[in-house]
N, C-alpha and C. Protein backbone atom coordinates (compact mmCIF):
# COMPACT_ATOMS: atom_id res chain seq x y z
N MET A 1 -7.06 -2.28 47.71
CA MET A 1 -6.62 -1.08 47.10
C MET A 1 -5.50 -1.37 46.14
N GLU A 2 -4.48 -2.20 46.44
CA GLU A 2 -3.39 -2.57 45.59
C GLU A 2 -3.94 -3.19 44.33
N LYS A 3 -4.94 -4.12 44.49
CA LYS A 3 -5.43 -4.84 43.33
C LYS A 3 -6.13 -3.92 42.31
N GLN A 4 -6.81 -2.88 42.88
CA GLN A 4 -7.51 -1.91 41.98
C GLN A 4 -6.48 -1.08 41.19
N ARG A 5 -5.48 -0.64 41.84
CA ARG A 5 -4.44 0.07 41.17
C ARG A 5 -3.73 -0.78 40.10
N MET A 6 -3.46 -2.05 40.38
CA MET A 6 -2.83 -2.89 39.39
C MET A 6 -3.74 -3.06 38.13
N LYS A 7 -5.06 -3.19 38.39
CA LYS A 7 -5.98 -3.33 37.34
C LYS A 7 -6.06 -2.15 36.42
N GLU A 8 -6.01 -0.99 37.12
CA GLU A 8 -6.04 0.27 36.35
C GLU A 8 -4.69 0.42 35.50
N GLU A 9 -3.61 0.12 36.06
CA GLU A 9 -2.34 0.17 35.33
C GLU A 9 -2.40 -0.82 34.17
N GLU A 10 -2.91 -1.98 34.34
CA GLU A 10 -2.99 -2.99 33.32
C GLU A 10 -3.89 -2.50 32.16
N ALA A 11 -5.04 -1.84 32.52
CA ALA A 11 -5.96 -1.32 31.58
C ALA A 11 -5.29 -0.19 30.76
N ALA A 12 -4.55 0.62 31.47
CA ALA A 12 -3.80 1.73 30.78
C ALA A 12 -2.80 1.22 29.80
N LYS A 13 -2.12 0.17 30.24
CA LYS A 13 -1.12 -0.47 29.41
C LYS A 13 -1.71 -1.03 28.13
N LYS A 14 -2.85 -1.73 28.27
CA LYS A 14 -3.57 -2.29 27.11
C LYS A 14 -4.06 -1.23 26.18
N ALA A 15 -4.54 -0.19 26.76
CA ALA A 15 -5.06 0.93 25.90
C ALA A 15 -3.89 1.55 25.06
N GLU A 16 -2.74 1.71 25.70
CA GLU A 16 -1.60 2.26 25.01
C GLU A 16 -1.13 1.30 23.89
N GLU A 17 -1.15 -0.03 24.14
CA GLU A 17 -0.70 -1.00 23.12
C GLU A 17 -1.74 -0.98 21.97
N LYS A 18 -3.02 -0.77 22.29
CA LYS A 18 -4.00 -0.69 21.25
C LYS A 18 -3.83 0.51 20.34
N LYS A 19 -3.39 1.60 21.00
CA LYS A 19 -3.15 2.88 20.21
C LYS A 19 -1.95 2.67 19.27
N LEU A 20 -0.93 2.05 19.81
CA LEU A 20 0.30 1.81 19.00
C LEU A 20 -0.04 0.89 17.81
N ALA A 21 -0.81 -0.11 18.10
CA ALA A 21 -1.17 -1.09 17.02
C ALA A 21 -1.98 -0.36 15.91
N ALA A 22 -2.90 0.52 16.31
CA ALA A 22 -3.74 1.22 15.36
C ALA A 22 -2.84 2.18 14.55
N ARG A 23 -1.85 2.79 15.18
CA ARG A 23 -0.95 3.73 14.45
C ARG A 23 -0.12 2.92 13.44
N ASP A 24 0.38 1.79 13.87
CA ASP A 24 1.16 0.94 13.01
C ASP A 24 0.30 0.52 11.68
N LYS A 25 -0.89 0.18 11.98
CA LYS A 25 -1.82 -0.20 10.89
C LYS A 25 -2.04 0.93 9.88
N GLN A 26 -2.20 2.17 10.43
CA GLN A 26 -2.37 3.34 9.54
C GLN A 26 -1.13 3.56 8.72
N ILE A 27 0.08 3.47 9.31
CA ILE A 27 1.29 3.64 8.58
C ILE A 27 1.49 2.63 7.49
N LYS A 28 1.18 1.39 7.77
CA LYS A 28 1.31 0.34 6.75
C LYS A 28 0.30 0.52 5.66
N SER A 29 -0.85 0.94 6.01
CA SER A 29 -1.89 1.24 4.95
C SER A 29 -1.47 2.36 4.03
N ALA A 30 -0.89 3.46 4.65
CA ALA A 30 -0.44 4.58 3.81
C ALA A 30 0.73 4.13 2.95
N ALA A 31 1.61 3.31 3.42
CA ALA A 31 2.76 2.83 2.60
C ALA A 31 2.27 2.00 1.45
N ARG A 32 1.30 1.06 1.67
CA ARG A 32 0.74 0.30 0.65
C ARG A 32 0.01 1.15 -0.44
N SER A 33 -0.67 2.19 0.02
CA SER A 33 -1.36 3.10 -0.88
C SER A 33 -0.38 3.87 -1.85
N VAL A 34 0.71 4.30 -1.23
CA VAL A 34 1.67 5.04 -2.01
C VAL A 34 2.36 4.09 -2.97
N ALA A 35 2.63 2.93 -2.54
CA ALA A 35 3.31 1.94 -3.39
C ALA A 35 2.37 1.60 -4.59
N SER A 36 1.18 1.34 -4.33
CA SER A 36 0.25 1.10 -5.34
C SER A 36 0.10 2.21 -6.40
N SER A 37 0.02 3.42 -5.90
CA SER A 37 -0.08 4.55 -6.76
C SER A 37 1.18 4.72 -7.61
N ALA A 38 2.37 4.61 -6.97
CA ALA A 38 3.57 4.74 -7.70
C ALA A 38 3.78 3.65 -8.70
N GLY A 39 3.41 2.40 -8.24
CA GLY A 39 3.54 1.27 -9.19
C GLY A 39 2.67 1.45 -10.36
N GLY A 40 1.50 1.95 -10.21
CA GLY A 40 0.61 2.11 -11.31
C GLY A 40 1.05 3.19 -12.30
N THR A 41 1.62 4.30 -11.73
CA THR A 41 2.13 5.39 -12.54
C THR A 41 3.32 4.91 -13.38
N ILE A 42 4.28 4.31 -12.70
CA ILE A 42 5.52 3.78 -13.42
C ILE A 42 5.13 2.76 -14.46
N GLY A 43 4.25 1.80 -14.04
CA GLY A 43 3.90 0.79 -15.01
C GLY A 43 3.11 1.34 -16.20
N ARG A 44 2.30 2.29 -15.94
CA ARG A 44 1.49 2.93 -17.08
C ARG A 44 2.39 3.62 -18.06
N GLU A 45 3.42 4.36 -17.49
CA GLU A 45 4.38 5.02 -18.45
C GLU A 45 5.18 4.00 -19.24
N LEU A 46 5.63 2.97 -18.59
CA LEU A 46 6.40 1.94 -19.35
C LEU A 46 5.49 1.31 -20.36
N GLY A 47 4.29 0.97 -20.00
CA GLY A 47 3.33 0.37 -20.92
C GLY A 47 2.97 1.25 -22.07
N ASN A 48 2.81 2.56 -21.81
CA ASN A 48 2.53 3.53 -22.82
C ASN A 48 3.63 3.55 -23.89
N GLN A 49 4.90 3.61 -23.42
CA GLN A 49 5.98 3.65 -24.35
C GLN A 49 6.14 2.39 -25.14
N LEU A 50 5.94 1.22 -24.48
CA LEU A 50 6.06 -0.03 -25.22
C LEU A 50 4.89 -0.17 -26.20
N GLY A 51 3.67 0.20 -25.73
CA GLY A 51 2.52 0.04 -26.61
C GLY A 51 2.57 1.01 -27.84
N LYS A 52 3.11 2.16 -27.62
CA LYS A 52 3.20 3.16 -28.65
C LYS A 52 4.15 2.65 -29.76
N SER A 53 5.23 1.99 -29.39
CA SER A 53 6.11 1.45 -30.34
C SER A 53 5.61 0.28 -31.08
N ILE A 54 4.62 -0.43 -30.47
CA ILE A 54 4.09 -1.65 -31.11
C ILE A 54 2.83 -1.32 -31.93
N GLY A 55 1.89 -0.56 -31.33
CA GLY A 55 0.62 -0.39 -32.06
C GLY A 55 -0.11 0.94 -32.09
N GLY A 56 0.60 2.05 -32.05
CA GLY A 56 -0.06 3.31 -32.18
C GLY A 56 -0.84 3.66 -30.95
N SER A 57 -1.97 4.37 -31.11
CA SER A 57 -2.73 4.85 -29.97
C SER A 57 -3.41 3.70 -29.20
N PHE A 58 -3.91 2.74 -29.96
CA PHE A 58 -4.56 1.59 -29.29
C PHE A 58 -3.58 0.83 -28.48
N GLY A 59 -2.40 0.54 -29.01
CA GLY A 59 -1.36 -0.15 -28.29
C GLY A 59 -0.87 0.65 -27.09
N LYS A 60 -0.81 1.97 -27.23
CA LYS A 60 -0.47 2.81 -26.13
C LYS A 60 -1.44 2.66 -24.99
N LYS A 61 -2.72 2.78 -25.33
CA LYS A 61 -3.75 2.64 -24.26
C LYS A 61 -3.70 1.27 -23.62
N LEU A 62 -3.68 0.21 -24.45
CA LEU A 62 -3.67 -1.15 -23.88
C LEU A 62 -2.36 -1.40 -23.11
N GLY A 63 -1.25 -0.96 -23.62
CA GLY A 63 0.00 -1.14 -22.91
C GLY A 63 0.02 -0.43 -21.58
N GLY A 64 -0.55 0.83 -21.58
CA GLY A 64 -0.60 1.59 -20.29
C GLY A 64 -1.40 0.94 -19.24
N ASN A 65 -2.56 0.38 -19.63
CA ASN A 65 -3.48 -0.33 -18.68
C ASN A 65 -2.83 -1.62 -18.14
N VAL A 66 -2.18 -2.36 -19.04
CA VAL A 66 -1.57 -3.56 -18.62
C VAL A 66 -0.32 -3.28 -17.74
N GLY A 67 0.44 -2.27 -18.07
CA GLY A 67 1.60 -1.93 -17.34
C GLY A 67 1.20 -1.43 -15.94
N ALA A 68 0.15 -0.61 -15.85
CA ALA A 68 -0.31 -0.14 -14.54
C ALA A 68 -0.73 -1.26 -13.62
N SER A 69 -1.43 -2.22 -14.23
CA SER A 69 -1.92 -3.40 -13.43
C SER A 69 -0.67 -4.28 -12.97
N LEU A 70 0.27 -4.42 -13.89
CA LEU A 70 1.47 -5.19 -13.47
C LEU A 70 2.29 -4.49 -12.40
N GLY A 71 2.40 -3.13 -12.59
CA GLY A 71 3.17 -2.39 -11.58
C GLY A 71 2.58 -2.37 -10.22
N ARG A 72 1.23 -2.18 -10.15
CA ARG A 72 0.61 -2.30 -8.95
C ARG A 72 0.57 -3.66 -8.32
N GLY A 73 0.53 -4.71 -9.10
CA GLY A 73 0.55 -6.08 -8.64
C GLY A 73 1.90 -6.49 -8.02
N ILE A 74 2.95 -6.02 -8.67
CA ILE A 74 4.27 -6.31 -8.27
C ILE A 74 4.59 -5.57 -6.92
N LEU A 75 4.27 -4.24 -6.83
CA LEU A 75 4.53 -3.53 -5.65
C LEU A 75 3.65 -3.97 -4.51
N SER A 76 2.41 -4.31 -4.74
CA SER A 76 1.53 -4.72 -3.69
C SER A 76 2.02 -6.07 -3.03
N THR A 77 2.57 -6.88 -3.94
CA THR A 77 3.16 -8.13 -3.43
C THR A 77 4.35 -7.84 -2.47
N LEU A 78 5.17 -6.91 -2.84
CA LEU A 78 6.27 -6.48 -1.99
C LEU A 78 5.88 -5.86 -0.68
N PHE A 79 4.80 -5.10 -0.66
CA PHE A 79 4.39 -4.40 0.53
C PHE A 79 3.24 -5.10 1.32
N LYS A 80 3.02 -6.35 1.07
CA LYS A 80 2.13 -7.08 1.90
C LYS A 80 2.68 -7.27 3.28
N LYS A 81 1.97 -7.45 4.26
CA LYS A 81 2.40 -7.79 5.64
C LYS A 81 3.78 -7.80 5.72
């Protein structure tokens, strides 16, 4: 009887730990997503301004794309595990 109760308690404990681990994973994933989005937006704006001053509309487009990629790359590095 005692063995059965201990097994049940252990199973409940493992299930709770699994739930907490899943929740932590969701939170980390959300933080990475927000960081990537913010990094892309900030980088795109900086690239647009820099590109506009260098080469008109083509420079603005190219600068925005490069800036967005750099911004996402930098922030994704910071928010890894």
